[in-house]
């Protein structure tokens, strides 16, 4: 068995009866936890196929009496899924470019360059991780409402989402920890060959950092997909709304209040993209996080 596939127990230990029993119990517990987490998602999907009266029936039913897919077509039209997906994609692309550009340079500087007061800077970033997002909401809004020095408002523009995306202490520290684990001999050899720091980062460090880059990209997608409040606060024009804002508007406000099965169909559709993304890239998520440590 390769080192990458090796688990807690060796092959010889897995053949012993006590270890087999413990391993079977762990698999059983893991299966029960997976079912308990997937059951609400399955209920939302199956309930979207029911009539509204059947959803509220007591005692509840798991499978619909009649399988009706019309709610999904209505949710696709009412929630304007194509436009929401396009807006979300545009926001995400700018979001991830801003984040990777800023935190990659910052993480490389903290990990490989002789930056003055590097440990102090590291501790400042680490301290900001302790702050809840709500504590930064008002200062961030004041900044995007009137940019310092140039006094330009970014309200109702996607720049108000893109520019603050570069500030993520947690993901900066994750990337810095990953860079620390890359052998320094590689970057030293590049410097001996005359490569600049930017070229070393681009040609040596980043090609060996695909797992952590994937983690940052996936986390950024989840932030865009789930971050309702900041997007609703900044984007005032409905034409710029993303998935999170549009689902809220057409479900809970005067712009919505559709039938319950249509609401659940919309929720089911909104679950699919992040779920598929996680299933496809879960190997990179696990590898990027397990190979990363917070080091000073």
Protein backbone atom coordinates (compact mmCIF):
# COMPACT_ATOMS: atom_id res chain seq x y z
CA UNK A 1 0.00 0.00 0.00
CA UNK A 2 1.39 3.38 -0.98
CA UNK A 3 2.06 6.04 1.61
CA UNK A 4 -0.68 8.20 0.13
CA UNK A 5 -3.28 5.45 0.56
CA UNK A 6 -2.11 4.19 3.97
CA UNK A 7 -4.54 4.68 6.83
CA UNK A 8 -4.12 4.60 10.59
CA UNK A 9 -3.82 0.81 10.62
CA UNK A 10 -1.22 -1.16 8.68
CA UNK A 11 -2.16 -4.06 6.39
CA UNK A 12 -1.03 -6.60 9.01
CA UNK A 13 -3.06 -4.90 11.77
CA UNK A 14 -6.19 -4.89 9.61
CA UNK A 15 -6.07 -8.70 9.49
CA UNK A 16 -6.32 -9.01 13.29
CA UNK A 17 -9.81 -9.63 14.70
CA UNK A 18 -9.82 -6.79 17.31
CA UNK A 19 -8.69 -4.24 14.76
CA UNK A 20 -11.23 -5.50 12.21
CA UNK A 21 -13.99 -5.06 14.78
CA UNK A 22 -12.91 -1.49 15.61
CA UNK A 23 -12.53 -0.67 11.93
CA UNK A 24 -16.01 -2.02 11.17
CA UNK A 25 -17.51 0.06 13.99
CA UNK A 26 -15.77 3.17 12.65
CA UNK A 27 -17.15 2.52 9.16
CA UNK A 28 -20.62 1.96 10.62
CA UNK A 29 -20.45 5.20 12.62
CA UNK A 30 -19.20 7.08 9.57
CA UNK A 31 -22.04 5.68 7.49
CA UNK A 32 -24.64 6.71 10.07
CA UNK A 33 -23.20 10.23 10.24
CA UNK A 34 -23.24 10.48 6.44
CA UNK A 35 -26.88 9.39 6.32
CA UNK A 36 -27.86 11.85 9.05
CA UNK A 37 -26.24 14.69 7.07
CA UNK A 38 -27.67 13.67 3.69
CA UNK A 39 -31.21 13.02 4.94
CA UNK A 40 -32.20 16.74 5.15
CA UNK A 41 -30.92 17.30 1.60
CA UNK A 42 -32.87 14.28 0.38
CA UNK A 43 -36.02 15.51 2.14
CA UNK A 44 -35.75 18.95 0.50
CA UNK A 45 -35.41 17.36 -2.96
CA UNK A 46 -38.26 14.87 -2.44
CA UNK A 47 -40.52 17.51 -0.91
CA UNK A 48 -40.04 19.68 -4.00
CA UNK A 49 -41.68 16.87 -6.00
CA UNK A 50 -44.81 16.92 -3.81
CA UNK A 51 -47.90 19.06 -3.85
CA UNK A 52 -47.83 21.88 -1.22
CA UNK A 53 -50.62 20.23 0.76
CA UNK A 54 -48.73 16.94 0.90
CA UNK A 55 -45.62 18.67 2.27
CA UNK A 56 -47.60 19.88 5.28
CA UNK A 57 -49.36 16.56 5.85
CA UNK A 58 -49.20 15.00 9.33
CA UNK A 59 -47.78 12.41 9.68
CA UNK A 60 -45.26 13.41 7.00
CA UNK A 61 -44.46 11.22 4.03
CA UNK A 62 -40.97 10.61 2.68
CA UNK A 63 -41.78 9.77 -0.95
CA UNK A 64 -44.26 11.90 -2.89
CA UNK A 65 -47.64 10.40 -3.76
CA UNK A 66 -47.26 11.77 -7.29
CA UNK A 67 -43.89 12.77 -8.71
CA UNK A 68 -44.39 16.28 -10.09
CA UNK A 69 -41.36 17.99 -11.67
CA UNK A 70 -43.25 21.17 -12.54
CA UNK A 71 -41.97 22.92 -9.39
CA UNK A 72 -38.41 22.75 -10.72
CA UNK A 73 -39.40 24.37 -14.01
CA UNK A 74 -41.28 27.08 -12.11
CA UNK A 75 -38.31 27.64 -9.77
CA UNK A 76 -35.97 27.90 -12.77
CA UNK A 77 -38.16 30.64 -14.24
CA UNK A 78 -39.10 32.49 -11.04
CA UNK A 79 -35.62 32.55 -9.53
CA UNK A 80 -34.04 33.49 -12.88
CA UNK A 81 -31.40 30.79 -12.52
CA UNK A 82 -29.42 31.58 -15.73
CA UNK A 83 -28.97 35.24 -14.83
CA UNK A 84 -28.16 34.44 -11.21
CA UNK A 85 -25.57 31.88 -12.33
CA UNK A 86 -23.99 34.39 -14.72
CA UNK A 87 -23.80 37.14 -12.07
CA UNK A 88 -22.40 34.71 -9.52
CA UNK A 89 -19.76 33.52 -11.98
CA UNK A 90 -18.67 37.09 -12.77
CA UNK A 91 -18.43 37.95 -9.09
CA UNK A 92 -16.50 34.75 -8.36
CA UNK A 93 -13.94 35.27 -11.12
CA UNK A 94 -13.07 38.78 -9.94
CA UNK A 95 -13.22 37.61 -6.33
CA UNK A 96 -10.75 34.77 -6.77
CA UNK A 97 -8.35 36.79 -8.96
CA UNK A 98 -8.22 39.52 -6.31
CA UNK A 99 -7.73 37.03 -3.49
CA UNK A 100 -5.06 34.91 -5.14
CA UNK A 101 -3.11 37.94 -6.34
CA UNK A 102 -2.94 39.53 -2.89
CA UNK A 103 -2.53 36.59 -0.56
CA UNK A 104 -0.07 34.73 -2.83
CA UNK A 105 2.33 37.67 -2.84
CA UNK A 106 1.84 38.28 0.89
CA UNK A 107 2.26 34.60 1.80
CA UNK A 108 5.43 34.31 -0.30
CA UNK A 109 6.88 37.41 1.34
CA UNK A 110 6.18 36.10 4.84
CA UNK A 111 7.42 32.60 4.02
CA UNK A 112 10.54 33.24 1.93
CA UNK A 113 11.69 36.87 2.16
CA UNK A 114 13.57 38.62 4.94
CA UNK A 115 10.71 40.96 5.78
CA UNK A 116 11.41 43.27 8.76
CA UNK A 117 9.30 42.40 11.81
CA UNK A 118 7.99 39.33 10.02
CA UNK A 119 6.84 37.59 13.20
CA UNK A 120 5.05 40.73 14.38
CA UNK A 121 3.23 40.99 11.06
CA UNK A 122 2.38 37.31 11.27
CA UNK A 123 0.92 37.73 14.76
CA UNK A 124 -1.15 40.72 13.60
CA UNK A 125 -2.67 38.63 10.82
CA UNK A 126 -3.24 35.79 13.28
CA UNK A 127 -4.98 38.17 15.70
CA UNK A 128 -7.41 39.35 13.01
CA UNK A 129 -8.57 35.76 12.54
CA UNK A 130 -10.10 36.02 16.02
CA UNK A 131 -12.38 38.86 14.91
CA UNK A 132 -15.88 37.93 13.71
CA UNK A 133 -16.92 39.15 10.27
CA UNK A 134 -19.58 41.37 11.84
CA UNK A 135 -16.88 43.44 13.55
CA UNK A 136 -15.44 44.40 10.14
CA UNK A 137 -18.77 45.10 8.45
CA UNK A 138 -19.09 48.82 9.22
CA UNK A 139 -15.42 49.75 8.48
CA UNK A 140 -15.54 47.77 5.24
CA UNK A 141 -18.76 49.47 4.17
CA UNK A 142 -17.35 52.93 4.91
CA UNK A 143 -14.28 52.16 2.81
CA UNK A 144 -16.20 50.96 -0.26
CA UNK A 145 -18.76 53.77 0.11
CA UNK A 146 -15.98 56.35 -0.21
CA UNK A 147 -12.55 55.08 -1.17
CA UNK A 148 -9.77 56.82 0.75
CA UNK A 149 -8.01 59.67 -1.07
CA UNK A 150 -9.96 59.40 -4.33
CA UNK A 151 -13.44 59.56 -2.69
CA UNK A 152 -15.11 57.24 -5.20
CA UNK A 153 -18.12 55.15 -4.17
CA UNK A 154 -18.17 51.47 -5.13
CA UNK A 155 -21.73 50.88 -3.95
CA UNK A 156 -23.75 48.85 -6.47
CA UNK A 157 -20.60 47.75 -8.30
CA UNK A 158 -18.92 44.38 -8.31
CA UNK A 159 -15.67 46.09 -7.34
CA UNK A 160 -17.12 46.40 -3.83
CA UNK A 161 -17.06 42.59 -3.70
CA UNK A 162 -13.81 42.05 -5.58
CA UNK A 163 -11.46 44.44 -3.79
CA UNK A 164 -12.18 43.35 -0.16
CA UNK A 165 -11.75 39.72 -1.27
CA UNK A 166 -7.99 40.13 -1.14
CA UNK A 167 -8.15 40.59 2.64
CA UNK A 168 -8.40 37.10 4.13
CA UNK A 169 -6.03 36.49 7.02
CA UNK A 170 -7.08 32.87 7.49
CA UNK A 171 -6.38 31.86 3.91
CA UNK A 172 -3.21 33.94 3.86
CA UNK A 173 -1.91 31.96 6.83
CA UNK A 174 -2.96 28.69 5.19
CA UNK A 175 -0.99 29.54 2.06
CA UNK A 176 1.98 30.79 4.05
CA UNK A 177 2.06 27.50 5.97
CA UNK A 178 1.96 25.55 2.71
CA UNK A 179 4.81 27.61 1.26
CA UNK A 180 6.85 26.87 4.39
CA UNK A 181 6.62 23.14 3.63
CA UNK A 182 8.04 23.49 0.11
CA UNK A 183 11.81 22.74 0.24
CA UNK A 184 13.83 25.93 0.26
CA UNK A 185 16.45 24.28 -1.93
CA UNK A 186 14.14 24.77 -4.92
CA UNK A 187 13.90 28.54 -4.51
CA UNK A 188 17.60 28.81 -3.63
CA UNK A 189 18.50 26.97 -6.82
CA UNK A 190 16.30 29.36 -8.81
CA UNK A 191 18.03 32.36 -7.25
CA UNK A 192 21.44 30.92 -8.11
CA UNK A 193 20.28 30.62 -11.71
CA UNK A 194 19.41 34.32 -11.68
CA UNK A 195 15.63 34.10 -11.30
CA UNK A 196 13.87 37.04 -9.68
CA UNK A 197 11.56 36.57 -6.72
CA UNK A 198 8.49 36.97 -8.92
CA UNK A 199 9.81 34.39 -11.39
CA UNK A 200 10.65 32.02 -8.53
CA UNK A 201 7.12 32.36 -7.19
CA UNK A 202 5.53 31.86 -10.61
CA UNK A 203 7.74 29.05 -11.95
CA UNK A 204 8.77 27.18 -8.78
CA UNK A 205 6.44 27.80 -5.84
CA UNK A 206 3.01 28.00 -7.47
CA UNK A 207 3.37 24.81 -9.61
CA UNK A 208 4.06 22.96 -6.35
CA UNK A 209 1.12 24.63 -4.57
CA UNK A 210 -1.84 23.36 -6.58
CA UNK A 211 -3.62 21.83 -3.53
CA UNK A 212 -3.65 25.06 -1.52
CA UNK A 213 -4.57 27.15 -4.58
CA UNK A 214 -7.52 24.79 -5.12
CA UNK A 215 -8.52 25.15 -1.46
CA UNK A 216 -8.48 28.95 -1.69
CA UNK A 217 -10.51 28.81 -4.89
CA UNK A 218 -13.11 26.45 -3.45
CA UNK A 219 -13.43 28.40 -0.20
CA UNK A 220 -13.88 31.56 -2.25
CA UNK A 221 -16.71 29.96 -4.19
CA UNK A 222 -18.48 28.93 -1.01
CA UNK A 223 -18.13 32.48 0.35
CA UNK A 224 -19.69 33.96 -2.78
CA UNK A 225 -22.44 31.36 -2.88
CA UNK A 226 -23.44 31.74 0.78
CA UNK A 227 -22.63 35.36 1.63
CA UNK A 228 -26.06 36.97 1.49
CA UNK A 229 -25.81 39.97 3.81
CA UNK A 230 -22.78 41.77 2.32
CA UNK A 231 -23.98 41.24 -1.24
CA UNK A 232 -27.48 42.49 -0.38
CA UNK A 233 -25.99 45.54 1.34
CA UNK A 234 -23.71 46.48 -1.55
CA UNK A 235 -25.67 45.46 -4.66
CA UNK A 236 -28.78 47.63 -4.81
CA UNK A 237 -29.70 46.93 -8.45
CA UNK A 238 -31.53 43.67 -9.05
CA UNK A 239 -29.69 43.15 -12.34
CA UNK A 240 -26.44 42.58 -10.38
CA UNK A 241 -27.81 40.22 -7.74
CA UNK A 242 -26.19 36.84 -7.21
CA UNK A 243 -27.75 33.52 -6.28
CA UNK A 244 -27.90 34.17 -2.54
CA UNK A 245 -29.70 37.53 -2.89
CA UNK A 246 -32.08 36.47 -5.65
CA UNK A 247 -33.23 33.34 -3.80
CA UNK A 248 -33.98 35.44 -0.72
CA UNK A 249 -35.85 38.13 -2.68
CA UNK A 250 -38.08 35.75 -4.60
CA UNK A 251 -38.83 33.66 -1.51
CA UNK A 252 -39.34 35.98 1.44
CA UNK A 253 -40.25 39.43 0.09
CA UNK A 254 -43.01 41.03 -1.93
CA UNK A 255 -41.07 39.93 -4.99
CA UNK A 256 -41.70 36.31 -4.20
CA UNK A 257 -43.72 34.12 -1.81
CA UNK A 258 -44.07 31.21 -4.26
CA UNK A 259 -45.63 27.86 -3.37
CA UNK A 260 -43.72 25.81 -0.82
CA UNK A 261 -42.71 23.13 -3.32
CA UNK A 262 -41.33 25.84 -5.63
CA UNK A 263 -39.28 27.26 -2.75
CA UNK A 264 -37.86 23.82 -2.00
CA UNK A 265 -37.14 23.26 -5.70
CA UNK A 266 -35.20 26.54 -5.76
CA UNK A 267 -33.30 25.47 -2.66
CA UNK A 268 -32.50 22.11 -4.29
CA UNK A 269 -31.14 23.82 -7.40
CA UNK A 270 -29.01 26.18 -5.31
CA UNK A 271 -27.47 23.23 -3.45
CA UNK A 272 -26.22 21.47 -6.58
CA UNK A 273 -23.23 23.67 -7.66
CA UNK A 274 -21.36 23.76 -4.32
CA UNK A 275 -22.13 20.09 -3.73
CA UNK A 276 -20.75 19.07 -7.12
CA UNK A 277 -17.72 21.32 -6.67
CA UNK A 278 -16.92 19.77 -3.32
CA UNK A 279 -17.32 16.21 -4.59
CA UNK A 280 -15.05 16.88 -7.56
CA UNK A 281 -12.32 18.69 -5.64
CA UNK A 282 -12.57 17.09 -2.21
CA UNK A 283 -9.16 15.45 -2.70
CA UNK A 284 -7.54 18.87 -3.10
CA UNK A 285 -9.42 20.24 -0.08
CA UNK A 286 -8.21 17.41 2.16
CA UNK A 287 -4.68 17.47 0.80
CA UNK A 288 -4.37 21.25 1.00
CA UNK A 289 -5.56 21.47 4.60
CA UNK A 290 -3.70 18.42 5.96
CA UNK A 291 -0.41 19.55 4.38
CA UNK A 292 -0.76 23.05 5.81
CA UNK A 293 0.23 24.25 9.25
CA UNK A 294 0.21 27.69 10.86
CA UNK A 295 3.90 28.38 11.40
CA UNK A 296 5.58 31.55 12.45
